[in-house]
Amino acid sequence: MKKEALSKTFGKNVRGARRKQGLTQEELAEKCDLDFRQIGFIERGETNPTLQTMQKIGKGLNCTVNQLLRDS
């Protein structure tokens, strides 16, 4: 999978999990100790998050990084 496609997939899955839990980007960012703008960039696939950031987001959403990387 290309790097760009992986970023888009991760972002799409983060957005889906966040919305399913009824969280705003700001609320998720607070849970993950991240800036809310970074959540927006990630959800749009505009940035490649570090492994540490991916792990923080997974923890904030109560799911694994693997789940967030799955191409559905």
C-alpha atoms as a PDB file:
ATOM      1  CA  MET A   1       0.000   0.000   0.000  1.00  0.00           C
ATOM      2  CA  LYS A   2       1.341   3.427  -0.899  1.00  0.00           C
ATOM      3  CA  LYS A   3       2.241   5.840   1.900  1.00  0.00           C
ATOM      4  CA  GLU A   4      -0.482   8.274   0.805  1.00  0.00           C
ATOM      5  CA  ALA A   5      -3.112   5.540   0.763  1.00  0.00           C
ATOM      6  CA  LEU A   6      -2.056   4.367   4.215  1.00  0.00           C
ATOM      7  CA  SER A   7      -2.390   7.900   5.614  1.00  0.00           C
ATOM      8  CA  LYS A   8      -5.854   8.256   4.060  1.00  0.00           C
ATOM      9  CA  THR A   9      -6.961   4.871   5.411  1.00  0.00           C
ATOM     10  CA  PHE A  10      -5.696   5.649   8.896  1.00  0.00           C
ATOM     11  CA  GLY A  11      -7.380   9.054   8.843  1.00  0.00           C
ATOM     12  CA  LYS A  12     -10.678   7.673   7.585  1.00  0.00           C
ATOM     13  CA  ASN A  13     -10.673   5.030  10.314  1.00  0.00           C
ATOM     14  CA  VAL A  14      -9.798   7.558  13.021  1.00  0.00           C
ATOM     15  CA  ARG A  15     -12.673   9.792  11.884  1.00  0.00           C
ATOM     16  CA  GLY A  16     -15.083   6.853  11.798  1.00  0.00           C
ATOM     17  CA  ALA A  17     -14.111   5.600  15.263  1.00  0.00           C
ATOM     18  CA  ARG A  18     -14.224   9.122  16.699  1.00  0.00           C
ATOM     19  CA  ARG A  19     -17.681   9.818  15.292  1.00  0.00           C
ATOM     20  CA  LYS A  20     -18.967   6.406  16.382  1.00  0.00           C
ATOM     21  CA  GLN A  21     -17.971   7.326  19.937  1.00  0.00           C
ATOM     22  CA  GLY A  22     -19.589  10.763  19.628  1.00  0.00           C
ATOM     23  CA  LEU A  23     -16.331  12.650  20.166  1.00  0.00           C
ATOM     24  CA  THR A  24     -15.354  15.958  18.614  1.00  0.00           C
ATOM     25  CA  GLN A  25     -11.851  16.425  17.263  1.00  0.00           C
ATOM     26  CA  GLU A  26     -11.144  18.620  20.274  1.00  0.00           C
ATOM     27  CA  GLU A  27     -12.315  15.954  22.730  1.00  0.00           C
ATOM     28  CA  LEU A  28     -10.229  13.267  21.045  1.00  0.00           C
ATOM     29  CA  ALA A  29      -7.199  15.545  20.983  1.00  0.00           C
ATOM     30  CA  GLU A  30      -7.554  16.177  24.706  1.00  0.00           C
ATOM     31  CA  LYS A  31      -7.777  12.438  25.426  1.00  0.00           C
ATOM     32  CA  CYS A  32      -4.644  11.863  23.339  1.00  0.00           C
ATOM     33  CA  ASP A  33      -2.685  14.903  24.569  1.00  0.00           C
ATOM     34  CA  LEU A  34      -2.488  16.241  20.999  1.00  0.00           C
ATOM     35  CA  ASP A  35      -3.420  19.509  19.325  1.00  0.00           C
ATOM     36  CA  PHE A  36      -6.923  19.334  17.818  1.00  0.00           C
ATOM     37  CA  ARG A  37      -5.564  20.681  14.513  1.00  0.00           C
ATOM     38  CA  GLN A  38      -3.316  17.626  14.279  1.00  0.00           C
ATOM     39  CA  ILE A  39      -6.379  15.365  14.536  1.00  0.00           C
ATOM     40  CA  GLY A  40      -7.909  17.238  11.583  1.00  0.00           C
ATOM     41  CA  PHE A  41      -4.738  16.880   9.500  1.00  0.00           C
ATOM     42  CA  ILE A  42      -4.596  13.166  10.292  1.00  0.00           C
ATOM     43  CA  GLU A  43      -8.276  12.569   9.507  1.00  0.00           C
ATOM     44  CA  ARG A  44      -7.864  14.256   6.119  1.00  0.00           C
ATOM     45  CA  GLY A  45      -4.721  12.233   5.378  1.00  0.00           C
ATOM     46  CA  GLU A  46      -2.660  15.415   5.082  1.00  0.00           C
ATOM     47  CA  THR A  47       0.108  14.233   7.409  1.00  0.00           C
ATOM     48  CA  ASN A  48       1.893  11.049   8.318  1.00  0.00           C
ATOM     49  CA  PRO A  49       1.574  10.569  12.073  1.00  0.00           C
ATOM     50  CA  THR A  50       4.453   9.064  14.009  1.00  0.00           C
ATOM     51  CA  LEU A  51       4.068   5.656  15.572  1.00  0.00           C
ATOM     52  CA  GLN A  52       3.804   7.332  18.966  1.00  0.00           C
ATOM     53  CA  THR A  53       0.977   9.550  17.739  1.00  0.00           C
ATOM     54  CA  MET A  54      -0.809   6.568  16.207  1.00  0.00           C
ATOM     55  CA  GLN A  55      -0.511   4.745  19.512  1.00  0.00           C
ATOM     56  CA  LYS A  56      -1.891   7.739  21.448  1.00  0.00           C
ATOM     57  CA  ILE A  57      -4.871   7.953  19.100  1.00  0.00           C
ATOM     58  CA  GLY A  58      -5.514   4.224  19.346  1.00  0.00           C
ATOM     59  CA  LYS A  59      -5.468   4.445  23.127  1.00  0.00           C
ATOM     60  CA  GLY A  60      -7.754   7.496  23.053  1.00  0.00           C
ATOM     61  CA  LEU A  61     -10.228   5.585  20.876  1.00  0.00           C
ATOM     62  CA  ASN A  62      -9.858   2.311  22.813  1.00  0.00           C
ATOM     63  CA  CYS A  63      -8.691   0.410  19.765  1.00  0.00           C
ATOM     64  CA  THR A  64      -5.450  -0.906  18.341  1.00  0.00           C
ATOM     65  CA  VAL A  65      -3.287   0.753  15.726  1.00  0.00           C
ATOM     66  CA  ASN A  66      -3.883  -2.349  13.588  1.00  0.00           C
ATOM     67  CA  GLN A  67      -7.608  -1.678  13.657  1.00  0.00           C
ATOM     68  CA  LEU A  68      -7.018   1.904  12.557  1.00  0.00           C
ATOM     69  CA  LEU A  69      -4.792   0.778   9.675  1.00  0.00           C
ATOM     70  CA  ARG A  70      -7.222  -1.770   8.240  1.00  0.00           C
ATOM     71  CA  ASP A  71      -8.408  -1.081   4.732  1.00  0.00           C
ATOM     72  CA  SER A  72     -12.151  -1.752   4.839  1.00  0.00           C
END
